[in-house]
C-alpha cells in the first residue's frame, strides 16, 4: 500500500478537524482496511461496521497521533486488528461461511460455486491459525505489504515475521494440501 500524496499534511489537517482531510484519508485507506477485516469476520455487514469503527477511532486518535517513522497505514491496521480482536473477544472462533457478495465477480454460476468453495476452504484453513498468523498472511499475501510493514503492524521484528510466515504457511499447507496450493489460494489464484 502506497502512502497518499502529502499524507503528513493530510494527517496534520485531519488532526485539527479538517473534514476534507479526514475524507481523503478515509478514501485512501477504507478499501484496504475493509478487505483486511472482511477476511477475519463472518460477514460483510460486520466488516463494514468494524471498518467504520476503525475510522471513528482514527478521527478520535489523530489529535494525539505522532509520526514514529512507521507508515500511517500500519497505525490503521493496528486499530483494525484491535477491532477484530475486540469483536471476537469472548467468542469461540469458528470457520465462517463466505457471503455471496464475497464469492466472486464471475457471471458463470459454476464459476461462482467453485470460487465460493475455494474461498470457504481457505477460510477454514485460516481458522486453524492463530490470530497473529492470520493477520500476517492476510497482510502479506492479500494486501501485498512487505515484511517490514507487517512487522510494524504486528509489533514484531522483521526476523520474527519471516519465521512466523514460514511456520504459518507450513500449517496452512497441511490444511490445504500443499505449500504451493496455500500460496496460490492466498494470492487469490485458487487451485
N, C-alpha and C. Protein backbone atom coordinates (compact mmCIF):
# COMPACT_ATOMS: atom_id res chain seq x y z
N UNK A 1 0.84 -1.16 0.00
CA UNK A 1 0.00 0.00 0.00
C UNK A 1 0.89 1.23 0.00
N UNK A 2 0.67 2.09 -0.94
CA UNK A 2 1.46 3.32 -1.06
C UNK A 2 0.85 4.43 -0.21
N UNK A 3 1.69 5.21 0.46
CA UNK A 3 1.16 6.36 1.21
C UNK A 3 0.49 7.34 0.25
N UNK A 4 -0.47 8.07 0.77
CA UNK A 4 -1.15 9.08 -0.03
C UNK A 4 -0.22 10.26 -0.28
N UNK A 5 -0.46 10.99 -1.36
CA UNK A 5 0.32 12.20 -1.64
C UNK A 5 0.09 13.20 -0.51
N UNK A 6 1.16 13.83 -0.05
CA UNK A 6 1.08 14.82 1.03
C UNK A 6 0.39 14.25 2.27
N UNK A 7 0.66 12.98 2.57
CA UNK A 7 -0.01 12.31 3.67
C UNK A 7 0.24 12.98 5.02
N UNK A 8 1.45 13.41 5.27
CA UNK A 8 1.74 14.07 6.56
C UNK A 8 0.89 15.32 6.73
N UNK A 9 0.77 16.10 5.66
CA UNK A 9 -0.07 17.30 5.71
C UNK A 9 -1.53 16.92 5.98
N UNK A 10 -2.00 15.89 5.29
CA UNK A 10 -3.38 15.43 5.48
C UNK A 10 -3.61 15.02 6.94
N UNK A 11 -2.66 14.29 7.50
CA UNK A 11 -2.78 13.81 8.88
C UNK A 11 -2.84 15.00 9.84
N UNK A 12 -1.98 15.97 9.63
CA UNK A 12 -1.98 17.16 10.50
C UNK A 12 -3.30 17.92 10.38
N UNK A 13 -3.76 18.10 9.14
CA UNK A 13 -5.02 18.82 8.94
C UNK A 13 -6.20 18.05 9.54
N UNK A 14 -6.21 16.73 9.33
CA UNK A 14 -7.29 15.91 9.87
C UNK A 14 -7.27 15.94 11.40
N UNK A 15 -6.08 15.96 11.98
CA UNK A 15 -5.96 16.04 13.44
C UNK A 15 -6.51 17.33 14.00
N UNK A 16 -6.54 18.37 13.17
CA UNK A 16 -7.09 19.66 13.59
C UNK A 16 -8.58 19.78 13.25
N UNK A 17 -9.16 18.68 12.72
CA UNK A 17 -10.59 18.68 12.45
C UNK A 17 -11.00 19.00 11.03
N UNK A 18 -10.06 19.06 10.09
CA UNK A 18 -10.37 19.35 8.69
C UNK A 18 -11.11 18.15 8.08
N UNK A 19 -12.39 18.34 7.79
CA UNK A 19 -13.23 17.25 7.28
C UNK A 19 -12.78 16.76 5.91
N UNK A 20 -12.29 17.66 5.07
CA UNK A 20 -11.80 17.24 3.74
C UNK A 20 -10.59 16.32 3.88
N UNK A 21 -9.70 16.63 4.81
CA UNK A 21 -8.52 15.80 5.03
C UNK A 21 -8.93 14.43 5.57
N UNK A 22 -9.88 14.41 6.50
CA UNK A 22 -10.37 13.14 7.04
C UNK A 22 -10.98 12.31 5.90
N UNK A 23 -11.77 12.96 5.05
CA UNK A 23 -12.40 12.28 3.93
C UNK A 23 -11.35 11.70 2.98
N UNK A 24 -10.29 12.45 2.70
CA UNK A 24 -9.23 11.97 1.81
C UNK A 24 -8.52 10.76 2.42
N UNK A 25 -8.24 10.81 3.72
CA UNK A 25 -7.61 9.66 4.39
C UNK A 25 -8.54 8.45 4.33
N UNK A 26 -9.81 8.67 4.57
CA UNK A 26 -10.79 7.58 4.51
C UNK A 26 -10.80 6.96 3.11
N UNK A 27 -10.92 7.80 2.09
CA UNK A 27 -10.98 7.30 0.72
C UNK A 27 -9.70 6.55 0.34
N UNK A 28 -8.58 6.98 0.87
CA UNK A 28 -7.31 6.34 0.55
C UNK A 28 -7.09 5.00 1.22
N UNK A 29 -7.70 4.78 2.37
CA UNK A 29 -7.42 3.57 3.14
C UNK A 29 -8.63 2.67 3.39
N UNK A 30 -9.83 3.14 3.18
CA UNK A 30 -11.03 2.37 3.56
C UNK A 30 -11.10 1.00 2.88
N UNK A 31 -10.81 0.95 1.60
CA UNK A 31 -10.93 -0.33 0.89
C UNK A 31 -9.95 -1.36 1.44
N UNK A 32 -8.71 -0.98 1.68
CA UNK A 32 -7.71 -1.92 2.20
C UNK A 32 -8.06 -2.38 3.61
N UNK A 33 -8.53 -1.45 4.44
CA UNK A 33 -8.92 -1.81 5.81
C UNK A 33 -10.13 -2.75 5.77
N UNK A 34 -11.11 -2.44 4.93
CA UNK A 34 -12.29 -3.31 4.80
C UNK A 34 -11.88 -4.71 4.35
N UNK A 35 -11.01 -4.80 3.33
CA UNK A 35 -10.57 -6.11 2.84
C UNK A 35 -9.91 -6.90 3.96
N UNK A 36 -9.03 -6.25 4.71
CA UNK A 36 -8.34 -6.92 5.81
C UNK A 36 -9.36 -7.46 6.82
N UNK A 37 -10.30 -6.63 7.20
CA UNK A 37 -11.29 -7.04 8.20
C UNK A 37 -12.21 -8.12 7.65
N UNK A 38 -12.61 -8.00 6.38
CA UNK A 38 -13.58 -8.95 5.81
C UNK A 38 -13.04 -10.37 5.77
N UNK A 39 -11.72 -10.53 5.71
CA UNK A 39 -11.14 -11.88 5.75
C UNK A 39 -11.13 -12.44 7.16
N UNK A 40 -11.40 -11.62 8.16
CA UNK A 40 -11.31 -12.05 9.55
C UNK A 40 -12.66 -12.21 10.24
N UNK A 41 -13.73 -11.72 9.64
CA UNK A 41 -15.04 -11.76 10.30
C UNK A 41 -16.05 -12.51 9.46
N UNK A 42 -17.22 -12.76 10.06
CA UNK A 42 -18.20 -13.66 9.47
C UNK A 42 -19.03 -13.08 8.34
N UNK A 43 -19.10 -11.76 8.19
CA UNK A 43 -19.94 -11.21 7.12
C UNK A 43 -19.46 -9.83 6.70
N UNK A 44 -19.91 -9.44 5.52
CA UNK A 44 -19.58 -8.09 5.03
C UNK A 44 -20.21 -7.02 5.91
N UNK A 45 -21.38 -7.31 6.46
CA UNK A 45 -22.04 -6.34 7.34
C UNK A 45 -21.19 -6.05 8.56
N UNK A 46 -20.67 -7.11 9.18
CA UNK A 46 -19.79 -6.94 10.35
C UNK A 46 -18.51 -6.21 9.92
N UNK A 47 -17.97 -6.58 8.76
CA UNK A 47 -16.75 -5.92 8.27
C UNK A 47 -16.99 -4.43 8.04
N UNK A 48 -18.15 -4.08 7.49
CA UNK A 48 -18.48 -2.66 7.28
C UNK A 48 -18.57 -1.92 8.61
N UNK A 49 -19.22 -2.55 9.59
CA UNK A 49 -19.35 -1.92 10.91
C UNK A 49 -17.99 -1.71 11.56
N UNK A 50 -17.14 -2.74 11.50
CA UNK A 50 -15.81 -2.63 12.11
C UNK A 50 -14.93 -1.63 11.37
N UNK A 51 -15.08 -1.56 10.05
CA UNK A 51 -14.32 -0.58 9.27
C UNK A 51 -14.73 0.83 9.68
N UNK A 52 -16.02 1.04 9.85
CA UNK A 52 -16.49 2.36 10.31
C UNK A 52 -15.92 2.68 11.68
N UNK A 53 -15.86 1.68 12.55
CA UNK A 53 -15.30 1.88 13.89
C UNK A 53 -13.81 2.22 13.83
N UNK A 54 -13.09 1.58 12.91
CA UNK A 54 -11.66 1.89 12.74
C UNK A 54 -11.48 3.36 12.40
N UNK A 55 -12.29 3.86 11.48
CA UNK A 55 -12.13 5.26 11.06
C UNK A 55 -12.65 6.24 12.11
N UNK A 56 -13.61 5.82 12.90
CA UNK A 56 -14.02 6.64 14.04
C UNK A 56 -12.86 6.74 15.04
N UNK A 57 -12.22 5.61 15.31
CA UNK A 57 -11.05 5.61 16.21
C UNK A 57 -9.91 6.43 15.62
N UNK A 58 -9.76 6.37 14.30
CA UNK A 58 -8.73 7.18 13.65
C UNK A 58 -8.98 8.66 13.93
N UNK A 59 -10.22 9.10 13.70
CA UNK A 59 -10.56 10.51 13.91
C UNK A 59 -10.33 10.90 15.36
N UNK A 60 -10.72 10.03 16.29
CA UNK A 60 -10.52 10.32 17.71
C UNK A 60 -9.05 10.35 18.09
N UNK A 61 -8.24 9.51 17.44
CA UNK A 61 -6.83 9.41 17.79
C UNK A 61 -5.91 10.36 17.06
N UNK A 62 -6.35 10.95 15.97
CA UNK A 62 -5.48 11.82 15.17
C UNK A 62 -4.89 13.00 15.94
N UNK A 63 -5.63 13.65 16.83
CA UNK A 63 -5.01 14.76 17.56
C UNK A 63 -3.79 14.33 18.40
N UNK A 64 -3.76 13.04 18.79
CA UNK A 64 -2.64 12.53 19.59
C UNK A 64 -1.64 11.73 18.75
N UNK A 65 -1.92 11.56 17.46
CA UNK A 65 -1.05 10.76 16.59
C UNK A 65 0.32 11.40 16.48
N UNK A 66 1.35 10.58 16.60
CA UNK A 66 2.73 11.04 16.43
C UNK A 66 3.39 10.19 15.36
N UNK A 67 4.02 10.84 14.40
CA UNK A 67 4.73 10.15 13.33
C UNK A 67 5.98 9.51 13.92
N UNK A 68 5.99 8.18 13.96
CA UNK A 68 7.13 7.44 14.51
C UNK A 68 8.05 6.91 13.42
N UNK A 69 7.75 7.24 12.19
CA UNK A 69 8.53 6.71 11.07
C UNK A 69 7.85 5.52 10.41
N UNK A 70 6.93 4.87 11.13
CA UNK A 70 6.17 3.76 10.55
C UNK A 70 5.09 4.35 9.64
N UNK A 71 4.69 3.62 8.61
CA UNK A 71 3.64 4.13 7.72
C UNK A 71 2.33 4.37 8.48
N UNK A 72 1.60 5.37 8.06
CA UNK A 72 0.31 5.68 8.66
C UNK A 72 -0.63 4.48 8.53
N UNK A 73 -0.54 3.78 7.39
CA UNK A 73 -1.37 2.59 7.18
C UNK A 73 -1.13 1.53 8.25
N UNK A 74 0.09 1.42 8.74
CA UNK A 74 0.39 0.45 9.80
C UNK A 74 -0.40 0.78 11.05
N UNK A 75 -0.51 2.07 11.36
CA UNK A 75 -1.29 2.50 12.52
C UNK A 75 -2.76 2.12 12.34
N UNK A 76 -3.29 2.33 11.14
CA UNK A 76 -4.69 1.97 10.87
C UNK A 76 -4.91 0.46 10.96
N UNK A 77 -3.97 -0.33 10.44
CA UNK A 77 -4.12 -1.78 10.52
C UNK A 77 -4.03 -2.28 11.96
N UNK A 78 -3.24 -1.62 12.81
CA UNK A 78 -3.21 -1.98 14.23
C UNK A 78 -4.58 -1.70 14.86
N UNK A 79 -5.17 -0.58 14.50
CA UNK A 79 -6.52 -0.28 15.00
C UNK A 79 -7.50 -1.35 14.51
N UNK A 80 -7.39 -1.72 13.23
CA UNK A 80 -8.28 -2.74 12.66
C UNK A 80 -8.10 -4.08 13.36
N UNK A 81 -6.86 -4.47 13.60
CA UNK A 81 -6.59 -5.74 14.29
C UNK A 81 -7.20 -5.72 15.69
N UNK A 82 -7.11 -4.59 16.36
CA UNK A 82 -7.70 -4.46 17.70
C UNK A 82 -9.22 -4.57 17.63
N UNK A 83 -9.82 -3.95 16.63
CA UNK A 83 -11.28 -4.02 16.47
C UNK A 83 -11.73 -5.46 16.21
N UNK A 84 -10.99 -6.19 15.38
CA UNK A 84 -11.34 -7.58 15.11
C UNK A 84 -11.20 -8.41 16.39
N UNK A 85 -10.10 -8.21 17.11
CA UNK A 85 -9.89 -8.94 18.37
C UNK A 85 -11.01 -8.63 19.36
N UNK A 86 -11.38 -7.36 19.47
CA UNK A 86 -12.47 -6.98 20.37
C UNK A 86 -13.78 -7.64 19.94
N UNK A 87 -13.99 -7.73 18.64
CA UNK A 87 -15.21 -8.36 18.12
C UNK A 87 -15.30 -9.82 18.56
N UNK A 88 -14.17 -10.52 18.53
CA UNK A 88 -14.15 -11.94 18.87
C UNK A 88 -13.85 -12.22 20.34
N UNK A 89 -13.51 -11.21 21.09
CA UNK A 89 -13.19 -11.43 22.50
C UNK A 89 -14.36 -12.13 23.19
N UNK A 90 -14.07 -13.24 23.80
CA UNK A 90 -15.12 -13.98 24.50
C UNK A 90 -15.91 -14.93 23.61
N UNK A 91 -15.69 -14.86 22.30
CA UNK A 91 -16.39 -15.77 21.38
C UNK A 91 -15.43 -16.88 20.96
N UNK A 92 -15.96 -18.04 20.72
CA UNK A 92 -15.14 -19.11 20.19
C UNK A 92 -15.04 -18.91 18.68
N UNK A 93 -13.82 -19.00 18.17
CA UNK A 93 -13.55 -18.80 16.74
C UNK A 93 -13.99 -20.03 15.97
N UNK A 94 -14.80 -19.86 14.96
CA UNK A 94 -15.26 -20.97 14.13
C UNK A 94 -15.05 -20.63 12.67
N UNK A 95 -15.07 -21.65 11.83
CA UNK A 95 -14.97 -21.41 10.39
C UNK A 95 -16.18 -20.60 9.97
N UNK A 96 -15.97 -19.64 9.09
CA UNK A 96 -17.03 -18.71 8.72
C UNK A 96 -17.47 -18.94 7.29
N UNK A 97 -18.78 -18.99 7.06
CA UNK A 97 -19.25 -19.15 5.68
C UNK A 97 -18.96 -17.89 4.88
N UNK A 98 -18.74 -18.07 3.63
CA UNK A 98 -18.47 -16.95 2.73
C UNK A 98 -19.78 -16.37 2.24
N UNK A 99 -19.94 -15.08 2.34
CA UNK A 99 -21.16 -14.46 1.85
C UNK A 99 -21.14 -14.46 0.32
N UNK A 100 -22.31 -14.38 -0.27
CA UNK A 100 -22.40 -14.41 -1.73
C UNK A 100 -21.66 -13.25 -2.36
N UNK A 101 -21.72 -12.09 -1.73
CA UNK A 101 -21.06 -10.91 -2.31
C UNK A 101 -19.55 -11.03 -2.27
N UNK A 102 -19.00 -11.87 -1.36
CA UNK A 102 -17.56 -12.06 -1.30
C UNK A 102 -17.10 -13.11 -2.29
N UNK A 103 -18.02 -13.95 -2.76
CA UNK A 103 -17.65 -15.12 -3.52
C UNK A 103 -16.93 -14.82 -4.82
N UNK A 104 -17.50 -13.99 -5.69
CA UNK A 104 -16.88 -13.82 -6.99
C UNK A 104 -17.58 -12.74 -7.79
N UNK A 105 -16.86 -12.23 -8.76
CA UNK A 105 -17.45 -11.29 -9.70
C UNK A 105 -17.88 -12.02 -10.97
N UNK A 106 -17.62 -13.33 -11.02
CA UNK A 106 -17.90 -14.09 -12.22
C UNK A 106 -19.40 -14.13 -12.50
N UNK A 107 -19.76 -14.26 -13.79
CA UNK A 107 -21.17 -14.38 -14.15
C UNK A 107 -21.55 -15.84 -14.34
N UNK A 108 -20.60 -16.72 -14.52
CA UNK A 108 -20.83 -18.15 -14.67
C UNK A 108 -21.21 -18.76 -13.32
N UNK A 109 -22.42 -19.34 -13.20
CA UNK A 109 -22.84 -19.90 -11.91
C UNK A 109 -21.89 -20.98 -11.39
N UNK A 110 -21.39 -21.84 -12.28
CA UNK A 110 -20.45 -22.87 -11.84
C UNK A 110 -19.13 -22.26 -11.37
N UNK A 111 -18.71 -21.20 -12.03
CA UNK A 111 -17.50 -20.49 -11.60
C UNK A 111 -17.68 -19.87 -10.23
N UNK A 112 -18.88 -19.31 -10.00
CA UNK A 112 -19.18 -18.72 -8.69
C UNK A 112 -19.14 -19.78 -7.60
N UNK A 113 -19.74 -20.93 -7.88
CA UNK A 113 -19.76 -22.01 -6.89
C UNK A 113 -18.35 -22.49 -6.60
N UNK A 114 -17.56 -22.70 -7.64
CA UNK A 114 -16.19 -23.17 -7.45
C UNK A 114 -15.38 -22.15 -6.66
N UNK A 115 -15.52 -20.88 -7.00
CA UNK A 115 -14.79 -19.82 -6.29
C UNK A 115 -15.23 -19.75 -4.83
N UNK A 116 -16.53 -19.87 -4.59
CA UNK A 116 -17.05 -19.85 -3.21
C UNK A 116 -16.51 -21.03 -2.41
N UNK A 117 -16.43 -22.20 -3.04
CA UNK A 117 -15.90 -23.38 -2.36
C UNK A 117 -14.42 -23.19 -2.03
N UNK A 118 -13.66 -22.64 -2.98
CA UNK A 118 -12.24 -22.39 -2.73
C UNK A 118 -12.05 -21.41 -1.58
N UNK A 119 -12.84 -20.34 -1.59
CA UNK A 119 -12.72 -19.33 -0.54
C UNK A 119 -13.14 -19.90 0.81
N UNK A 120 -14.19 -20.72 0.84
CA UNK A 120 -14.63 -21.34 2.09
C UNK A 120 -13.54 -22.28 2.61
N UNK A 121 -12.91 -23.02 1.71
CA UNK A 121 -11.81 -23.91 2.08
C UNK A 121 -10.66 -23.11 2.68
N UNK A 122 -10.34 -21.98 2.07
CA UNK A 122 -9.27 -21.12 2.59
C UNK A 122 -9.65 -20.56 3.96
N UNK A 123 -10.88 -20.12 4.12
CA UNK A 123 -11.32 -19.59 5.43
C UNK A 123 -11.20 -20.66 6.51
N UNK A 124 -11.60 -21.89 6.19
CA UNK A 124 -11.49 -22.98 7.17
C UNK A 124 -10.03 -23.23 7.52
N UNK A 125 -9.18 -23.21 6.52
CA UNK A 125 -7.75 -23.43 6.77
C UNK A 125 -7.17 -22.28 7.59
N UNK A 126 -7.53 -21.04 7.26
CA UNK A 126 -7.05 -19.89 8.02
C UNK A 126 -7.52 -19.94 9.47
N UNK A 127 -8.70 -20.48 9.71
CA UNK A 127 -9.25 -20.55 11.07
C UNK A 127 -8.41 -21.46 11.97
N UNK A 128 -7.56 -22.32 11.38
CA UNK A 128 -6.70 -23.18 12.19
C UNK A 128 -5.47 -22.44 12.71
N UNK A 129 -5.22 -21.25 12.18
CA UNK A 129 -4.04 -20.46 12.57
C UNK A 129 -4.37 -19.53 13.73
N UNK A 130 -3.33 -19.07 14.42
CA UNK A 130 -3.52 -18.07 15.47
C UNK A 130 -3.94 -16.74 14.83
N UNK A 131 -4.45 -15.84 15.65
CA UNK A 131 -4.87 -14.52 15.15
C UNK A 131 -3.70 -13.78 14.51
N UNK A 132 -2.52 -13.83 15.14
CA UNK A 132 -1.34 -13.16 14.56
C UNK A 132 -0.94 -13.79 13.23
N UNK A 133 -1.00 -15.12 13.15
CA UNK A 133 -0.65 -15.80 11.89
C UNK A 133 -1.64 -15.43 10.79
N UNK A 134 -2.92 -15.38 11.14
CA UNK A 134 -3.93 -14.98 10.16
C UNK A 134 -3.66 -13.56 9.66
N UNK A 135 -3.43 -12.66 10.59
CA UNK A 135 -3.15 -11.27 10.22
C UNK A 135 -1.93 -11.19 9.32
N UNK A 136 -0.88 -11.90 9.69
CA UNK A 136 0.36 -11.88 8.91
C UNK A 136 0.10 -12.32 7.48
N UNK A 137 -0.56 -13.45 7.29
CA UNK A 137 -0.78 -13.96 5.93
C UNK A 137 -1.72 -13.06 5.14
N UNK A 138 -2.73 -12.52 5.77
CA UNK A 138 -3.65 -11.62 5.07
C UNK A 138 -2.91 -10.35 4.64
N UNK A 139 -2.13 -9.78 5.56
CA UNK A 139 -1.40 -8.55 5.24
C UNK A 139 -0.32 -8.80 4.18
N UNK A 140 0.40 -9.91 4.28
CA UNK A 140 1.49 -10.19 3.33
C UNK A 140 0.96 -10.55 1.95
N UNK A 141 0.03 -11.49 1.89
CA UNK A 141 -0.36 -12.04 0.59
C UNK A 141 -1.61 -11.41 0.00
N UNK A 142 -2.56 -11.05 0.81
CA UNK A 142 -3.80 -10.48 0.27
C UNK A 142 -3.71 -8.97 0.14
N UNK A 143 -2.98 -8.32 1.05
CA UNK A 143 -2.79 -6.87 0.97
C UNK A 143 -1.47 -6.53 0.28
N UNK A 144 -0.55 -7.49 0.17
CA UNK A 144 0.72 -7.25 -0.52
C UNK A 144 1.71 -6.38 0.23
N UNK A 145 1.61 -6.34 1.55
CA UNK A 145 2.52 -5.50 2.33
C UNK A 145 3.87 -6.19 2.51
N UNK A 146 4.95 -5.43 2.57
CA UNK A 146 6.28 -6.01 2.79
C UNK A 146 6.44 -6.48 4.24
N UNK A 147 7.42 -7.37 4.46
CA UNK A 147 7.68 -7.90 5.81
C UNK A 147 7.83 -6.79 6.84
N UNK A 148 8.59 -5.76 6.51
CA UNK A 148 8.87 -4.68 7.47
C UNK A 148 7.59 -3.99 7.92
N UNK A 149 6.68 -3.74 6.99
CA UNK A 149 5.43 -3.07 7.35
C UNK A 149 4.55 -3.98 8.20
N UNK A 150 4.50 -5.27 7.85
CA UNK A 150 3.73 -6.23 8.65
C UNK A 150 4.32 -6.32 10.06
N UNK A 151 5.64 -6.30 10.15
CA UNK A 151 6.30 -6.33 11.46
C UNK A 151 5.87 -5.14 12.31
N UNK A 152 5.80 -3.97 11.70
CA UNK A 152 5.35 -2.78 12.42
C UNK A 152 3.91 -2.88 12.88
N UNK A 153 3.06 -3.42 12.03
CA UNK A 153 1.64 -3.56 12.37
C UNK A 153 1.45 -4.54 13.52
N UNK A 154 2.18 -5.66 13.47
CA UNK A 154 2.01 -6.70 14.49
C UNK A 154 2.92 -6.50 15.70
N UNK A 155 3.79 -5.49 15.65
CA UNK A 155 4.66 -5.21 16.78
C UNK A 155 5.72 -6.27 17.00
N UNK A 156 6.25 -6.80 15.92
CA UNK A 156 7.29 -7.84 15.99
C UNK A 156 8.46 -7.43 15.10
N UNK A 157 9.57 -8.13 15.26
CA UNK A 157 10.73 -7.84 14.42
C UNK A 157 10.53 -8.45 13.03
N UNK A 158 11.28 -7.94 12.07
CA UNK A 158 11.23 -8.46 10.70
C UNK A 158 11.57 -9.95 10.71
N UNK A 159 12.60 -10.34 11.46
CA UNK A 159 13.01 -11.75 11.52
C UNK A 159 11.90 -12.62 12.11
N UNK A 160 11.24 -12.13 13.15
CA UNK A 160 10.14 -12.90 13.76
C UNK A 160 8.99 -13.08 12.78
N UNK A 161 8.73 -12.05 11.97
CA UNK A 161 7.66 -12.14 10.96
C UNK A 161 8.01 -13.18 9.91
N UNK A 162 9.26 -13.21 9.48
CA UNK A 162 9.67 -14.20 8.48
C UNK A 162 9.53 -15.62 9.01
N UNK A 163 9.93 -15.84 10.27
CA UNK A 163 9.81 -17.17 10.88
C UNK A 163 8.33 -17.53 11.04
N UNK A 164 7.53 -16.58 11.53
CA UNK A 164 6.10 -16.83 11.72
C UNK A 164 5.44 -17.13 10.38
N UNK A 165 5.83 -16.41 9.32
CA UNK A 165 5.25 -16.66 7.99
C UNK A 165 5.58 -18.06 7.53
N UNK A 166 6.82 -18.48 7.71
CA UNK A 166 7.24 -19.82 7.30
C UNK A 166 6.40 -20.88 8.02
N UNK A 167 6.27 -20.73 9.33
CA UNK A 167 5.50 -21.70 10.12
C UNK A 167 4.02 -21.67 9.76
N UNK A 168 3.48 -20.48 9.58
CA UNK A 168 2.06 -20.36 9.24
C UNK A 168 1.77 -20.99 7.87
N UNK A 169 2.67 -20.78 6.91
CA UNK A 169 2.47 -21.38 5.59
C UNK A 169 2.56 -22.90 5.65
N UNK A 170 3.44 -23.42 6.51
CA UNK A 170 3.53 -24.87 6.66
C UNK A 170 2.23 -25.42 7.24
N UNK A 171 1.71 -24.75 8.25
CA UNK A 171 0.45 -25.17 8.86
C UNK A 171 -0.69 -25.07 7.85
N UNK A 172 -0.73 -23.97 7.13
CA UNK A 172 -1.77 -23.77 6.13
C UNK A 172 -1.64 -24.80 5.00
N UNK A 173 -0.41 -25.11 4.63
CA UNK A 173 -0.17 -26.09 3.57
C UNK A 173 -0.75 -27.45 3.96
N UNK A 174 -0.58 -27.82 5.22
CA UNK A 174 -1.15 -29.10 5.68
C UNK A 174 -2.67 -29.06 5.57
N UNK A 175 -3.27 -27.94 5.94
CA UNK A 175 -4.73 -27.83 5.89
C UNK A 175 -5.25 -27.81 4.45
N UNK A 176 -4.47 -27.23 3.53
CA UNK A 176 -4.92 -27.12 2.13
C UNK A 176 -4.41 -28.24 1.24
N UNK A 177 -3.36 -28.91 1.65
CA UNK A 177 -2.82 -29.99 0.83
C UNK A 177 -1.36 -29.81 0.48
N UNK A 178 -0.97 -28.65 -0.06
CA UNK A 178 0.42 -28.41 -0.43
C UNK A 178 0.78 -26.96 -0.19
N UNK A 179 2.08 -26.69 -0.04
CA UNK A 179 2.54 -25.32 0.17
C UNK A 179 2.25 -24.45 -1.06
N UNK A 180 2.44 -25.01 -2.25
CA UNK A 180 2.17 -24.24 -3.47
C UNK A 180 0.69 -23.88 -3.55
N UNK A 181 -0.16 -24.82 -3.15
CA UNK A 181 -1.59 -24.55 -3.17
C UNK A 181 -1.94 -23.45 -2.15
N UNK A 182 -1.30 -23.50 -0.99
CA UNK A 182 -1.54 -22.47 0.04
C UNK A 182 -1.19 -21.09 -0.51
N UNK A 183 -0.03 -20.98 -1.14
CA UNK A 183 0.39 -19.68 -1.68
C UNK A 183 -0.56 -19.20 -2.78
N UNK A 184 -1.02 -20.12 -3.65
CA UNK A 184 -1.91 -19.70 -4.73
C UNK A 184 -3.27 -19.27 -4.17
N UNK A 185 -3.77 -19.94 -3.15
CA UNK A 185 -5.02 -19.51 -2.52
C UNK A 185 -4.87 -18.11 -1.95
N UNK A 186 -3.77 -17.87 -1.25
CA UNK A 186 -3.57 -16.57 -0.62
C UNK A 186 -3.45 -15.46 -1.65
N UNK A 187 -2.95 -15.76 -2.81
CA UNK A 187 -2.83 -14.75 -3.86
C UNK A 187 -4.11 -14.63 -4.67
N UNK A 188 -5.13 -15.44 -4.32
CA UNK A 188 -6.41 -15.36 -5.00
C UNK A 188 -6.45 -16.09 -6.31
N UNK A 189 -5.50 -17.01 -6.51
CA UNK A 189 -5.43 -17.73 -7.78
C UNK A 189 -6.21 -19.03 -7.76
N UNK A 190 -6.64 -19.49 -6.57
CA UNK A 190 -7.39 -20.74 -6.48
C UNK A 190 -6.52 -21.93 -6.76
N UNK A 191 -7.14 -23.04 -7.18
CA UNK A 191 -6.37 -24.26 -7.39
C UNK A 191 -6.00 -24.48 -8.84
